Amino acid sequence: MPSVLIRLDPRRMENPDTDLRYVVPDRLAEVSSEILTDSGYDYEEGTDAMLIYLSTDNLDAALPFVIELLENKIVHQNRLALSAKVGTSPLDQTERPADFTVVYPGAEVGTRMR
């Protein structure tokens, strides 16, 4: 099953609340009618970045929900687009950021996640 990785940089947030690790996947599961499901979270080695992992059967259908949340919703006083990178992987629930290709923001599309 393909995976989606949302990397959130707390240095670029108004309120880097650790509850985002639960709120973001729950909200995405809800608005996508379970097209996206929570696959856990981690923190990036060497930084304080939060890594939120999601699974989906359909990346093309799932990504618009992720981008809509990042760009147009305020979550715990944060417009997440200012702190986010999104990557996708065809691998089943990989937890290695290097396995993900950046699909958001546009300037970094096609590069590997850290």
PDB file of N, CA and C in Angstrom:
ATOM      1  N   MET A   1       0.844  -1.178   0.000  1.00  0.00           N
ATOM      2  CA  MET A   1       0.000   0.000   0.000  1.00  0.00           C
ATOM      3  C   MET A   1       0.887   1.237   0.000  1.00  0.00           C
ATOM      4  N   PRO A   2       0.630   2.191  -0.867  1.00  0.00           N
ATOM      5  CA  PRO A   2       1.432   3.423  -0.893  1.00  0.00           C
ATOM      6  C   PRO A   2       1.331   4.197   0.414  1.00  0.00           C
ATOM      7  N   SER A   3       2.349   4.986   0.656  1.00  0.00           N
ATOM      8  CA  SER A   3       2.426   5.777   1.884  1.00  0.00           C
ATOM      9  C   SER A   3       2.609   7.255   1.570  1.00  0.00           C
ATOM     10  N   VAL A   4       2.148   8.076   2.511  1.00  0.00           N
ATOM     11  CA  VAL A   4       2.327   9.520   2.463  1.00  0.00           C
ATOM     12  C   VAL A   4       3.053   9.913   3.738  1.00  0.00           C
ATOM     13  N   LEU A   5       4.029  10.797   3.598  1.00  0.00           N
ATOM     14  CA  LEU A   5       4.768  11.315   4.750  1.00  0.00           C
ATOM     15  C   LEU A   5       4.599  12.827   4.790  1.00  0.00           C
ATOM     16  N   ILE A   6       4.149  13.335   5.920  1.00  0.00           N
ATOM     17  CA  ILE A   6       4.069  14.776   6.141  1.00  0.00           C
ATOM     18  C   ILE A   6       5.153  15.120   7.156  1.00  0.00           C
ATOM     19  N   ARG A   7       6.084  15.982   6.743  1.00  0.00           N
ATOM     20  CA  ARG A   7       7.161  16.432   7.630  1.00  0.00           C
ATOM     21  C   ARG A   7       6.828  17.852   8.075  1.00  0.00           C
ATOM     22  N   LEU A   8       6.717  18.063   9.382  1.00  0.00           N
ATOM     23  CA  LEU A   8       6.392  19.379   9.933  1.00  0.00           C
ATOM     24  C   LEU A   8       7.584  19.913  10.710  1.00  0.00           C
ATOM     25  N   ASP A   9       8.038  21.090  10.323  1.00  0.00           N
ATOM     26  CA  ASP A   9       9.177  21.737  10.973  1.00  0.00           C
ATOM     27  C   ASP A   9       8.659  22.669  12.066  1.00  0.00           C
ATOM     28  N   PRO A  10       8.894  22.336  13.342  1.00  0.00           N
ATOM     29  CA  PRO A  10       8.345  23.152  14.426  1.00  0.00           C
ATOM     30  C   PRO A  10       8.890  24.572  14.472  1.00  0.00           C
ATOM     31  N   ARG A  11      10.053  24.805  13.883  1.00  0.00           N
ATOM     32  CA  ARG A  11      10.626  26.156  13.875  1.00  0.00           C
ATOM     33  C   ARG A  11       9.812  27.111  13.015  1.00  0.00           C
ATOM     34  N   ARG A  12       8.958  26.570  12.156  1.00  0.00           N
ATOM     35  CA  ARG A  12       8.153  27.401  11.257  1.00  0.00           C
ATOM     36  C   ARG A  12       6.679  27.433  11.652  1.00  0.00           C
ATOM     37  N   MET A  13       6.413  27.080  12.913  1.00  0.00           N
ATOM     38  CA  MET A  13       5.036  27.032  13.389  1.00  0.00           C
ATOM     39  C   MET A  13       4.804  28.073  14.482  1.00  0.00           C
ATOM     40  N   GLU A  14       3.578  28.561  14.524  1.00  0.00           N
ATOM     41  CA  GLU A  14       3.162  29.444  15.611  1.00  0.00           C
ATOM     42  C   GLU A  14       3.054  28.647  16.909  1.00  0.00           C
ATOM     43  N   ASN A  15       2.503  27.446  16.814  1.00  0.00           N
ATOM     44  CA  ASN A  15       2.246  26.614  17.982  1.00  0.00           C
ATOM     45  C   ASN A  15       2.649  25.166  17.668  1.00  0.00           C
ATOM     46  N   PRO A  16       3.904  24.810  17.888  1.00  0.00           N
ATOM     47  CA  PRO A  16       4.359  23.454  17.557  1.00  0.00           C
ATOM     48  C   PRO A  16       3.886  22.415  18.584  1.00  0.00           C
ATOM     49  N   ASP A  17       2.594  22.281  18.695  1.00  0.00           N
ATOM     50  CA  ASP A  17       1.951  21.386  19.650  1.00  0.00           C
ATOM     51  C   ASP A  17       2.168  19.924  19.235  1.00  0.00           C
ATOM     52  N   THR A  18       2.652  19.107  20.149  1.00  0.00           N
ATOM     53  CA  THR A  18       2.891  17.695  19.818  1.00  0.00           C
ATOM     54  C   THR A  18       1.597  16.925  19.562  1.00  0.00           C
ATOM     55  N   ASP A  19       0.451  17.481  19.940  1.00  0.00           N
ATOM     56  CA  ASP A  19      -0.821  16.827  19.630  1.00  0.00           C
ATOM     57  C   ASP A  19      -1.090  16.788  18.128  1.00  0.00           C
ATOM     58  N   LEU A  20      -0.347  17.548  17.345  1.00  0.00           N
ATOM     59  CA  LEU A  20      -0.504  17.491  15.893  1.00  0.00           C
ATOM     60  C   LEU A  20      -0.295  16.076  15.366  1.00  0.00           C
ATOM     61  N   ARG A  21       0.515  15.294  16.053  1.00  0.00           N
ATOM     62  CA  ARG A  21       0.771  13.913  15.624  1.00  0.00           C
ATOM     63  C   ARG A  21      -0.492  13.069  15.630  1.00  0.00           C
ATOM     64  N   TYR A  22      -1.498  13.475  16.401  1.00  0.00           N
ATOM     65  CA  TYR A  22      -2.789  12.784  16.430  1.00  0.00           C
ATOM     66  C   TYR A  22      -3.852  13.529  15.632  1.00  0.00           C
ATOM     67  N   VAL A  23      -3.860  14.843  15.757  1.00  0.00           N
ATOM     68  CA  VAL A  23      -4.905  15.657  15.147  1.00  0.00           C
ATOM     69  C   VAL A  23      -4.844  15.602  13.623  1.00  0.00           C
ATOM     70  N   VAL A  24      -3.665  15.738  13.042  1.00  0.00           N
ATOM     71  CA  VAL A  24      -3.531  15.774  11.575  1.00  0.00           C
ATOM     72  C   VAL A  24      -4.010  14.463  10.944  1.00  0.00           C
ATOM     73  N   PRO A  25      -3.515  13.295  11.365  1.00  0.00           N
ATOM     74  CA  PRO A  25      -4.007  12.068  10.724  1.00  0.00           C
ATOM     75  C   PRO A  25      -5.489  11.809  10.969  1.00  0.00           C
ATOM     76  N   ASP A  26      -5.978  12.145  12.165  1.00  0.00           N
ATOM     77  CA  ASP A  26      -7.399  11.946  12.437  1.00  0.00           C
ATOM     78  C   ASP A  26      -8.260  12.820  11.536  1.00  0.00           C
ATOM     79  N   ARG A  27      -7.866  14.081  11.385  1.00  0.00           N
ATOM     80  CA  ARG A  27      -8.632  14.987  10.533  1.00  0.00           C
ATOM     81  C   ARG A  27      -8.578  14.544   9.071  1.00  0.00           C
ATOM     82  N   LEU A  28      -7.404  14.099   8.610  1.00  0.00           N
ATOM     83  CA  LEU A  28      -7.295  13.643   7.222  1.00  0.00           C
ATOM     84  C   LEU A  28      -8.110  12.374   6.984  1.00  0.00           C
ATOM     85  N   ALA A  29      -8.130  11.473   7.931  1.00  0.00           N
ATOM     86  CA  ALA A  29      -8.956  10.270   7.790  1.00  0.00           C
ATOM     87  C   ALA A  29     -10.430  10.655   7.698  1.00  0.00           C
ATOM     88  N   GLU A  30     -10.832  11.606   8.522  1.00  0.00           N
ATOM     89  CA  GLU A  30     -12.228  12.038   8.537  1.00  0.00           C
ATOM     90  C   GLU A  30     -12.637  12.703   7.226  1.00  0.00           C
ATOM     91  N   VAL A  31     -11.865  13.706   6.787  1.00  0.00           N
ATOM     92  CA  VAL A  31     -12.271  14.457   5.585  1.00  0.00           C
ATOM     93  C   VAL A  31     -12.119  13.639   4.308  1.00  0.00           C
ATOM     94  N   SER A  32     -11.253  12.636   4.328  1.00  0.00           N
ATOM     95  CA  SER A  32     -11.056  11.805   3.132  1.00  0.00           C
ATOM     96  C   SER A  32     -11.937  10.561   3.135  1.00  0.00           C
ATOM     97  N   SER A  33     -12.819  10.443   4.107  1.00  0.00           N
ATOM     98  CA  SER A  33     -13.666   9.249   4.246  1.00  0.00           C
ATOM     99  C   SER A  33     -12.811   7.983   4.288  1.00  0.00           C
ATOM    100  N   GLU A  34     -11.724   8.071   5.053  1.00  0.00           N
ATOM    101  CA  GLU A  34     -10.812   6.944   5.295  1.00  0.00           C
ATOM    102  C   GLU A  34      -9.962   6.537   4.075  1.00  0.00           C
ATOM    103  N   ILE A  35      -9.885   7.410   3.058  1.00  0.00           N
ATOM    104  CA  ILE A  35      -8.931   7.146   1.969  1.00  0.00           C
ATOM    105  C   ILE A  35      -7.516   7.188   2.541  1.00  0.00           C
ATOM    106  N   LEU A  36      -7.313   8.069   3.512  1.00  0.00           N
ATOM    107  CA  LEU A  36      -6.040   8.157   4.231  1.00  0.00           C
ATOM    108  C   LEU A  36      -6.228   7.562   5.623  1.00  0.00           C
ATOM    109  N   THR A  37      -5.263   6.751   6.051  1.00  0.00           N
ATOM    110  CA  THR A  37      -5.311   6.174   7.391  1.00  0.00           C
ATOM    111  C   THR A  37      -3.982   6.403   8.101  1.00  0.00           C
ATOM    112  N   ASP A  38      -4.057   6.553   9.388  1.00  0.00           N
ATOM    113  CA  ASP A  38      -2.894   6.808  10.239  1.00  0.00           C
ATOM    114  C   ASP A  38      -1.964   5.599  10.238  1.00  0.00           C
ATOM    115  N   SER A  39      -0.667   5.861  10.008  1.00  0.00           N
ATOM    116  CA  SER A  39       0.349   4.801  10.058  1.00  0.00           C
ATOM    117  C   SER A  39       1.424   5.115  11.080  1.00  0.00           C
ATOM    118  N   GLY A  40       1.166   6.093  11.944  1.00  0.00           N
ATOM    119  CA  GLY A  40       2.109   6.395  13.010  1.00  0.00           C
ATOM    120  C   GLY A  40       2.863   7.688  12.791  1.00  0.00           C
ATOM    121  N   TYR A  41       3.783   7.953  13.696  1.00  0.00           N
ATOM    122  CA  TYR A  41       4.580   9.165  13.640  1.00  0.00           C
ATOM    123  C   TYR A  41       5.963   8.870  14.200  1.00  0.00           C
ATOM    124  N   ASP A  42       6.859   9.807  13.962  1.00  0.00           N
ATOM    125  CA  ASP A  42       8.216   9.710  14.478  1.00  0.00           C
ATOM    126  C   ASP A  42       8.771  11.126  14.492  1.00  0.00           C
ATOM    127  N   TYR A  43       9.984  11.253  14.947  1.00  0.00           N
ATOM    128  CA  TYR A  43      10.688  12.529  14.882  1.00  0.00           C
ATOM    129  C   TYR A  43      11.953  12.312  14.068  1.00  0.00           C
ATOM    130  N   GLU A  44      12.237  13.265  13.210  1.00  0.00           N
ATOM    131  CA  GLU A  44      13.381  13.152  12.319  1.00  0.00           C
ATOM    132  C   GLU A  44      14.683  13.157  13.104  1.00  0.00           C
ATOM    133  N   GLU A  45      15.532  12.232  12.781  1.00  0.00           N
ATOM    134  CA  GLU A  45      16.831  12.135  13.444  1.00  0.00           C
ATOM    135  C   GLU A  45      17.656  13.389  13.179  1.00  0.00           C
ATOM    136  N   GLY A  46      18.166  13.990  14.240  1.00  0.00           N
ATOM    137  CA  GLY A  46      19.016  15.169  14.108  1.00  0.00           C
ATOM    138  C   GLY A  46      18.270  16.489  14.059  1.00  0.00           C
ATOM    139  N   THR A  47      16.928  16.443  14.024  1.00  0.00           N
ATOM    140  CA  THR A  47      16.123  17.665  14.041  1.00  0.00           C
ATOM    141  C   THR A  47      14.934  17.434  14.972  1.00  0.00           C
ATOM    142  N   ASP A  48      14.122  18.446  15.120  1.00  0.00           N
ATOM    143  CA  ASP A  48      12.888  18.309  15.892  1.00  0.00           C
ATOM    144  C   ASP A  48      11.675  18.122  14.993  1.00  0.00           C
ATOM    145  N   ALA A  49      11.886  17.889  13.702  1.00  0.00           N
ATOM    146  CA  ALA A  49      10.768  17.766  12.773  1.00  0.00           C
ATOM    147  C   ALA A  49       9.916  16.542  13.105  1.00  0.00           C
ATOM    148  N   MET A  50       8.604  16.744  13.045  1.00  0.00           N
ATOM    149  CA  MET A  50       7.653  15.664  13.266  1.00  0.00           C
ATOM    150  C   MET A  50       7.360  15.003  11.925  1.00  0.00           C
ATOM    151  N   LEU A  51       7.358  13.685  11.906  1.00  0.00           N
ATOM    152  CA  LEU A  51       7.077  12.910  10.710  1.00  0.00           C
ATOM    153  C   LEU A  51       5.759  12.176  10.929  1.00  0.00           C
ATOM    154  N   ILE A  52       4.764  12.478  10.122  1.00  0.00           N
ATOM    155  CA  ILE A  52       3.454  11.846  10.222  1.00  0.00           C
ATOM    156  C   ILE A  52       3.278  10.946   9.007  1.00  0.00           C
ATOM    157  N   TYR A  53       3.076   9.657   9.270  1.00  0.00           N
ATOM    158  CA  TYR A  53       2.942   8.658   8.214  1.00  0.00           C
ATOM    159  C   TYR A  53       1.477   8.299   8.023  1.00  0.00           C
ATOM    160  N   LEU A  54       1.064   8.212   6.755  1.00  0.00           N
ATOM    161  CA  LEU A  54      -0.303   7.850   6.393  1.00  0.00           C
ATOM    162  C   LEU A  54      -0.255   6.787   5.303  1.00  0.00           C
ATOM    163  N   SER A  55      -1.257   5.930   5.274  1.00  0.00           N
ATOM    164  CA  SER A  55      -1.381   4.926   4.219  1.00  0.00           C
ATOM    165  C   SER A  55      -2.607   5.240   3.374  1.00  0.00           C
ATOM    166  N   THR A  56      -2.547   4.799   2.121  1.00  0.00           N
ATOM    167  CA  THR A  56      -3.676   4.994   1.212  1.00  0.00           C
ATOM    168  C   THR A  56      -3.602   3.949   0.102  1.00  0.00           C
ATOM    169  N   ASP A  57      -4.754   3.615  -0.442  1.00  0.00           N
ATOM    170  CA  ASP A  57      -4.796   2.751  -1.623  1.00  0.00           C
ATOM    171  C   ASP A  57      -4.698   3.562  -2.898  1.00  0.00           C
ATOM    172  N   ASN A  58      -4.912   4.875  -2.793  1.00  0.00           N
ATOM    173  CA  ASN A  58      -5.013   5.704  -3.985  1.00  0.00           C
ATOM    174  C   ASN A  58      -4.355   7.067  -3.745  1.00  0.00           C
ATOM    175  N   LEU A  59      -3.080   7.188  -4.124  1.00  0.00           N
ATOM    176  CA  LEU A  59      -2.357   8.449  -3.927  1.00  0.00           C
ATOM    177  C   LEU A  59      -3.015   9.608  -4.654  1.00  0.00           C
ATOM    178  N   ASP A  60      -3.493   9.374  -5.872  1.00  0.00           N
ATOM    179  CA  ASP A  60      -4.099  10.459  -6.648  1.00  0.00           C
ATOM    180  C   ASP A  60      -5.328  11.028  -5.955  1.00  0.00           C
ATOM    181  N   ALA A  61      -6.108  10.189  -5.320  1.00  0.00           N
ATOM    182  CA  ALA A  61      -7.294  10.654  -4.601  1.00  0.00           C
ATOM    183  C   ALA A  61      -6.930  11.250  -3.247  1.00  0.00           C
ATOM    184  N   ALA A  62      -5.873  10.753  -2.620  1.00  0.00           N
ATOM    185  CA  ALA A  62      -5.515  11.161  -1.263  1.00  0.00           C
ATOM    186  C   ALA A  62      -4.810  12.515  -1.192  1.00  0.00           C
ATOM    187  N   LEU A  63      -3.908  12.782  -2.114  1.00  0.00           N
ATOM    188  CA  LEU A  63      -3.080  13.991  -2.021  1.00  0.00           C
ATOM    189  C   LEU A  63      -3.869  15.296  -1.989  1.00  0.00           C
ATOM    190  N   PRO A  64      -4.947  15.451  -2.738  1.00  0.00           N
ATOM    191  CA  PRO A  64      -5.701  16.711  -2.628  1.00  0.00           C
ATOM    192  C   PRO A  64      -6.223  16.985  -1.209  1.00  0.00           C
ATOM    193  N   PHE A  65      -6.556  15.948  -0.457  1.00  0.00           N
ATOM    194  CA  PHE A  65      -7.007  16.147   0.921  1.00  0.00           C
ATOM    195  C   PHE A  65      -5.863  16.655   1.796  1.00  0.00           C
ATOM    196  N   VAL A  66      -4.672  16.114   1.579  1.00  0.00           N
ATOM    197  CA  VAL A  66      -3.504  16.544   2.345  1.00  0.00           C
ATOM    198  C   VAL A  66      -3.180  18.002   2.037  1.00  0.00           C
ATOM    199  N   ILE A  67      -3.121  18.350   0.772  1.00  0.00           N
ATOM    200  CA  ILE A  67      -2.771  19.713   0.370  1.00  0.00           C
ATOM    201  C   ILE A  67      -3.835  20.705   0.819  1.00  0.00           C
ATOM    202  N   GLU A  68      -5.103  20.331   0.735  1.00  0.00           N
ATOM    203  CA  GLU A  68      -6.190  21.203   1.213  1.00  0.00           C
ATOM    204  C   GLU A  68      -6.023  21.507   2.698  1.00  0.00           C
ATOM    205  N   LEU A  69      -5.732  20.504   3.497  1.00  0.00           N
ATOM    206  CA  LEU A  69      -5.533  20.721   4.928  1.00  0.00           C
ATOM    207  C   LEU A  69      -4.345  21.638   5.181  1.00  0.00           C
ATOM    208  N   LEU A  70      -3.229  21.364   4.513  1.00  0.00           N
ATOM    209  CA  LEU A  70      -2.020  22.160   4.732  1.00  0.00           C
ATOM    210  C   LEU A  70      -2.208  23.616   4.337  1.00  0.00           C
ATOM    211  N   GLU A  71      -2.844  23.844   3.212  1.00  0.00           N
ATOM    212  CA  GLU A  71      -2.934  25.204   2.675  1.00  0.00           C
ATOM    213  C   GLU A  71      -4.114  26.021   3.186  1.00  0.00           C
ATOM    214  N   ASN A  72      -5.192  25.365   3.569  1.00  0.00           N
ATOM    215  CA  ASN A  72      -6.417  26.121   3.819  1.00  0.00           C
ATOM    216  C   ASN A  72      -7.029  25.965   5.205  1.00  0.00           C
ATOM    217  N   LYS A  73      -6.471  25.142   6.032  1.00  0.00           N
ATOM    218  CA  LYS A  73      -7.029  24.945   7.371  1.00  0.00           C
ATOM    219  C   LYS A  73      -6.016  25.385   8.425  1.00  0.00           C
ATOM    220  N   ILE A  74      -6.519  25.899   9.518  1.00  0.00           N
ATOM    221  CA  ILE A  74      -5.688  26.251  10.662  1.00  0.00           C
ATOM    222  C   ILE A  74      -5.833  25.124  11.677  1.00  0.00           C
ATOM    223  N   VAL A  75      -4.711  24.547  12.085  1.00  0.00           N
ATOM    224  CA  VAL A  75      -4.718  23.437  13.025  1.00  0.00           C
ATOM    225  C   VAL A  75      -3.856  23.830  14.222  1.00  0.00           C
ATOM    226  N   HIS A  76      -4.472  23.934  15.375  1.00  0.00           N
ATOM    227  CA  HIS A  76      -3.767  24.372  16.595  1.00  0.00           C
ATOM    228  C   HIS A  76      -2.974  25.663  16.344  1.00  0.00           C
ATOM    229  N   GLN A  77      -3.634  26.648  15.776  1.00  0.00           N
ATOM    230  CA  GLN A  77      -3.086  27.972  15.459  1.00  0.00           C
ATOM    231  C   GLN A  77      -1.974  27.939  14.399  1.00  0.00           C
ATOM    232  N   ASN A  78      -1.903  26.893  13.605  1.00  0.00           N
ATOM    233  CA  ASN A  78      -0.859  26.768  12.581  1.00  0.00           C
ATOM    234  C   ASN A  78      -1.462  26.644  11.194  1.00  0.00           C
ATOM    235  N   ARG A  79      -0.931  27.425  10.266  1.00  0.00           N
ATOM    236  CA  ARG A  79      -1.171  27.169   8.844  1.00  0.00           C
ATOM    237  C   ARG A  79      -0.023  26.260   8.440  1.00  0.00           C
ATOM    238  N   LEU A  80      -0.292  24.982   8.352  1.00  0.00           N
ATOM    239  CA  LEU A  80       0.756  23.975   8.228  1.00  0.00           C
ATOM    240  C   LEU A  80       1.560  24.063   6.933  1.00  0.00           C
ATOM    241  N   ALA A  81       1.024  24.691   5.911  1.00  0.00           N
ATOM    242  CA  ALA A  81       1.765  24.824   4.654  1.00  0.00           C
ATOM    243  C   ALA A  81       3.094  25.542   4.857  1.00  0.00           C
ATOM    244  N   LEU A  82       3.165  26.395   5.858  1.00  0.00           N
ATOM    245  CA  LEU A  82       4.392  27.146   6.108  1.00  0.00           C
ATOM    246  C   LEU A  82       5.507  26.279   6.686  1.00  0.00           C
ATOM    247  N   SER A  83       5.169  25.114   7.194  1.00  0.00           N
ATOM    248  CA  SER A  83       6.168  24.269   7.851  1.00  0.00           C
ATOM    249  C   SER A  83       6.249  22.862   7.258  1.00  0.00           C
ATOM    250  N   ALA A  84       5.486  22.588   6.214  1.00  0.00           N
ATOM    251  CA  ALA A  84       5.328  21.208   5.751  1.00  0.00           C
ATOM    252  C   ALA A  84       6.070  20.877   4.465  1.00  0.00           C
ATOM    253  N   LYS A  85       6.471  19.614   4.401  1.00  0.00           N
ATOM    254  CA  LYS A  85       6.871  18.938   3.173  1.00  0.00           C
ATOM    255  C   LYS A  85       6.058  17.666   3.127  1.00  0.00           C
ATOM    256  N   VAL A  86       5.662  17.268   1.927  1.00  0.00           N
ATOM    257  CA  VAL A  86       4.905  16.031   1.764  1.00  0.00           C
ATOM    258  C   VAL A  86       5.646  15.160   0.777  1.00  0.00           C
ATOM    259  N   GLY A  87       5.797  13.899   1.132  1.00  0.00           N
ATOM    260  CA  GLY A  87       6.421  12.930   0.246  1.00  0.00           C
ATOM    261  C   GLY A  87       5.526  11.722   0.083  1.00  0.00           C
ATOM    262  N   THR A  88       5.731  11.011  -1.010  1.00  0.00           N
ATOM    263  CA  THR A  88       4.990   9.771  -1.236  1.00  0.00           C
ATOM    264  C   THR A  88       5.973   8.649  -1.527  1.00  0.00           C
ATOM    265  N   SER A  89       5.518   7.435  -1.256  1.00  0.00           N
ATOM    266  CA  SER A  89       6.315   6.253  -1.532  1.00  0.00           C
ATOM    267  C   SER A  89       5.384   5.125  -1.970  1.00  0.00           C
ATOM    268  N   PRO A  90       5.785   4.373  -2.979  1.00  0.00           N
ATOM    269  CA  PRO A  90       4.979   3.217  -3.374  1.00  0.00           C
ATOM    270  C   PRO A  90       5.167   2.039  -2.411  1.00  0.00           C
ATOM    271  N   LEU A  91       6.125   2.161  -1.500  1.00  0.00           N
ATOM    272  CA  LEU A  91       6.422   1.070  -0.579  1.00  0.00           C
ATOM    273  C   LEU A  91       5.386   0.978   0.531  1.00  0.00           C
ATOM    274  N   ASP A  92       5.196  -0.209   1.024  1.00  0.00           N
ATOM    275  CA  ASP A  92       4.215  -0.460   2.070  1.00  0.00           C
ATOM    276  C   ASP A  92       4.722   0.014   3.419  1.00  0.00           C
ATOM    277  N   GLN A  93       4.180   1.119   3.904  1.00  0.00           N
ATOM    278  CA  GLN A  93       4.440   1.662   5.227  1.00  0.00           C
ATOM    279  C   GLN A  93       5.924   1.752   5.585  1.00  0.00           C
ATOM    280  N   THR A  94       6.719   2.245   4.670  1.00  0.00           N
ATOM    281  CA  THR A  94       8.126   2.467   4.971  1.00  0.00           C
ATOM    282  C   THR A  94       8.262   3.573   6.010  1.00  0.00           C
ATOM    283  N   GLU A  95       9.278   3.493   6.811  1.00  0.00           N
ATOM    284  CA  GLU A  95       9.526   4.533   7.804  1.00  0.00           C
ATOM    285  C   GLU A  95      10.839   5.260   7.541  1.00  0.00           C
ATOM    286  N   ARG A  96      11.438   5.036   6.389  1.00  0.00           N
ATOM    287  CA  ARG A  96      12.673   5.731   6.036  1.00  0.00           C
ATOM    288  C   ARG A  96      12.323   6.945   5.182  1.00  0.00           C
ATOM    289  N   PRO A  97      12.523   8.150   5.703  1.00  0.00           N
ATOM    290  CA  PRO A  97      12.204   9.327   4.899  1.00  0.00           C
ATOM    291  C   PRO A  97      12.877   9.332   3.531  1.00  0.00           C
ATOM    292  N   ALA A  98      14.055   8.735   3.412  1.00  0.00           N
ATOM    293  CA  ALA A  98      14.752   8.711   2.122  1.00  0.00           C
ATOM    294  C   ALA A  98      14.005   7.904   1.067  1.00  0.00           C
ATOM    295  N   ASP A  99      13.034   7.086   1.475  1.00  0.00           N
ATOM    296  CA  ASP A  99      12.231   6.310   0.528  1.00  0.00           C
ATOM    297  C   ASP A  99      11.098   7.129  -0.092  1.00  0.00           C
ATOM    298  N   PHE A 100      10.926   8.359   0.377  1.00  0.00           N
ATOM    299  CA  PHE A 100       9.823   9.200  -0.074  1.00  0.00           C
ATOM    300  C   PHE A 100      10.313  10.262  -1.052  1.00  0.00           C
ATOM    301  N   THR A 101       9.524  10.499  -2.088  1.00  0.00           N
ATOM    302  CA  THR A 101       9.786  11.558  -3.056  1.00  0.00           C
ATOM    303  C   THR A 101       8.888  12.745  -2.731  1.00  0.00           C
ATOM    304  N   VAL A 102       9.468  13.928  -2.658  1.00  0.00           N
ATOM    305  CA  VAL A 102       8.709  15.131  -2.320  1.00  0.00           C
ATOM    306  C   VAL A 102       7.701  15.439  -3.428  1.00  0.00           C
ATOM    307  N   VAL A 103       6.460  15.669  -3.021  1.00  0.00           N
ATOM    308  CA  VAL A 103       5.401  16.073  -3.953  1.00  0.00           C
ATOM    309  C   VAL A 103       4.824  17.439  -3.592  1.00  0.00           C
ATOM    310  N   TYR A 104       5.253  17.985  -2.445  1.00  0.00           N
ATOM    311  CA  TYR A 104       4.792  19.293  -1.986  1.00  0.00           C
ATOM    312  C   TYR A 104       5.825  19.822  -1.016  1.00  0.00           C
ATOM    313  N   PRO A 105       6.237  21.075  -1.065  1.00  0.00           N
ATOM    314  CA  PRO A 105       5.788  22.147  -1.961  1.00  0.00           C
ATOM    315  C   PRO A 105       6.410  22.016  -3.346  1.00  0.00           C
ATOM    316  N   GLY A 106       5.846  22.762  -4.268  1.00  0.00           N
ATOM    317  CA  GLY A 106       6.217  22.666  -5.674  1.00  0.00           C
ATOM    318  C   GLY A 106       7.690  22.843  -5.973  1.00  0.00           C
ATOM    319  N   ALA A 107       8.382  23.718  -5.232  1.00  0.00           N
ATOM    320  CA  ALA A 107       9.789  23.986  -5.510  1.00  0.00           C
ATOM    321  C   ALA A 107      10.672  22.766  -5.272  1.00  0.00           C
ATOM    322  N   GLU A 108      10.204  21.824  -4.488  1.00  0.00           N
ATOM    323  CA  GLU A 108      11.029  20.669  -4.142  1.00  0.00           C
ATOM    324  C   GLU A 108      10.527  19.363  -4.771  1.00  0.00           C
ATOM    325  N   VAL A 109       9.500  19.418  -5.577  1.00  0.00           N
ATOM    326  CA  VAL A 109       8.914  18.216  -6.157  1.00  0.00           C
ATOM    327  C   VAL A 109       9.981  17.405  -6.886  1.00  0.00           C
ATOM    328  N   GLY A 110       9.969  16.109  -6.629  1.00  0.00           N
ATOM    329  CA  GLY A 110      10.893  15.194  -7.290  1.00  0.00           C
ATOM    330  C   GLY A 110      12.165  14.900  -6.506  1.00  0.00           C
ATOM    331  N   THR A 111      12.461  15.680  -5.470  1.00  0.00           N
ATOM    332  CA  THR A 111      13.635  15.402  -4.648  1.00  0.00           C
ATOM    333  C   THR A 111      13.261  14.375  -3.582  1.00  0.00           C
ATOM    334  N   ARG A 112      14.252  13.829  -2.920  1.00  0.00           N
ATOM    335  CA  ARG A 112      14.027  12.875  -1.826  1.00  0.00           C
ATOM    336  C   ARG A 112      13.851  13.626  -0.525  1.00  0.00           C
ATOM    337  N   MET A 113      13.035  13.052   0.354  1.00  0.00           N
ATOM    338  CA  MET A 113      12.924  13.607   1.697  1.00  0.00           C
ATOM    339  C   MET A 113      14.274  13.382   2.366  1.00  0.00           C
ATOM    340  N   ARG A 114      14.566  14.109   3.400  1.00  0.00           N
ATOM    341  CA  ARG A 114      15.845  14.001   4.110  1.00  0.00           C
ATOM    342  C   ARG A 114      16.135  12.607   4.542  1.00  0.00           C
TER     343      ARG A 114
END
